[in-house]
Amino acid sequence: MPDEFVNVRIPKSLYEEISRRVKESGGEFKDVEEYVTFVLNEVVKEDEEENVYTPEEEEEIKRRLKQLGYL
């Protein structure tokens, strides 16, 4: 089943800047929509990657780093 799409409003000045970047990308992106989708996917992935460890795992990592003298 293909993804459904929705419209998102952005300031015209931002749209124009993105359009300029698309043109300068050397064909990496076909249009503003593809560029914005790529950037938003990267932001979402980055946010998900930040929560890789559970709080317990983070505490264990900190404990080990302290033992090694890094903290």
Protein backbone atom coordinates (compact mmCIF):
# COMPACT_ATOMS: atom_id res chain seq x y z
CA MET A 1 0.00 0.00 0.00
CA PRO A 2 1.61 3.30 -1.04
CA ASP A 3 2.05 6.12 1.44
CA GLU A 4 -0.64 8.74 1.61
CA PHE A 5 0.45 12.36 1.44
CA VAL A 6 -0.61 15.52 3.25
CA ASN A 7 0.15 19.17 2.62
CA VAL A 8 2.40 21.17 4.93
CA ARG A 9 2.68 24.94 4.80
CA ILE A 10 6.10 26.58 5.05
CA PRO A 11 7.18 30.20 4.60
CA LYS A 12 7.80 31.16 0.99
CA SER A 13 11.32 32.34 1.81
CA LEU A 14 12.16 28.88 3.16
CA TYR A 15 10.65 27.24 0.08
CA GLU A 16 12.80 29.46 -2.15
CA GLU A 17 15.96 28.58 -0.19
CA ILE A 18 15.18 24.86 -0.44
CA SER A 19 14.47 25.25 -4.14
CA ARG A 20 17.90 26.88 -4.57
CA ARG A 21 19.54 23.97 -2.73
CA VAL A 22 17.69 21.44 -4.90
CA LYS A 23 19.01 23.14 -8.04
CA GLU A 24 22.55 23.15 -6.59
CA SER A 25 22.34 19.48 -5.55
CA GLY A 26 23.33 18.31 -9.02
CA GLY A 27 20.28 16.13 -9.49
CA GLU A 28 20.47 14.47 -6.06
CA PHE A 29 16.91 15.67 -5.42
CA LYS A 30 14.26 15.99 -8.11
CA ASP A 31 12.19 18.67 -6.35
CA VAL A 32 11.53 20.51 -3.08
CA GLU A 33 9.15 17.81 -1.86
CA GLU A 34 11.81 15.11 -2.20
CA TYR A 35 14.38 17.30 -0.42
CA VAL A 36 12.04 18.11 2.47
CA THR A 37 11.03 14.45 2.83
CA PHE A 38 14.69 13.42 2.95
CA VAL A 39 15.57 16.04 5.58
CA LEU A 40 12.58 15.20 7.78
CA ASN A 41 13.36 11.49 7.59
CA GLU A 42 16.94 12.20 8.68
CA VAL A 43 15.74 14.30 11.63
CA VAL A 44 13.29 11.60 12.73
CA LYS A 45 15.99 8.89 12.45
CA GLU A 46 18.43 11.03 14.43
CA ASP A 47 15.86 11.55 17.15
CA GLU A 48 15.19 7.80 17.32
CA GLU A 49 18.91 7.03 17.50
CA GLU A 50 19.31 9.29 20.53
CA ASN A 51 17.16 6.89 22.55
CA VAL A 52 19.27 3.81 21.87
CA TYR A 53 19.97 2.93 25.52
CA THR A 54 17.55 2.35 28.37
CA PRO A 55 18.09 4.45 31.51
CA GLU A 56 19.59 1.37 33.19
CA GLU A 57 22.03 0.85 30.32
CA GLU A 58 23.03 4.52 30.45
CA GLU A 59 23.77 4.21 34.18
CA GLU A 60 25.90 1.12 33.55
CA ILE A 61 27.83 2.93 30.83
CA LYS A 62 28.43 5.89 33.14
CA ARG A 63 29.58 3.53 35.92
CA ARG A 64 32.06 1.85 33.59
CA LEU A 65 33.36 5.16 32.26
CA LYS A 66 33.91 6.36 35.84
CA GLN A 67 35.84 3.18 36.62
CA LEU A 68 38.04 3.87 33.61
CA GLY A 69 38.59 7.45 34.74
CA TYR A 70 36.73 9.14 31.91
CA LEU A 71 34.07 10.70 34.14
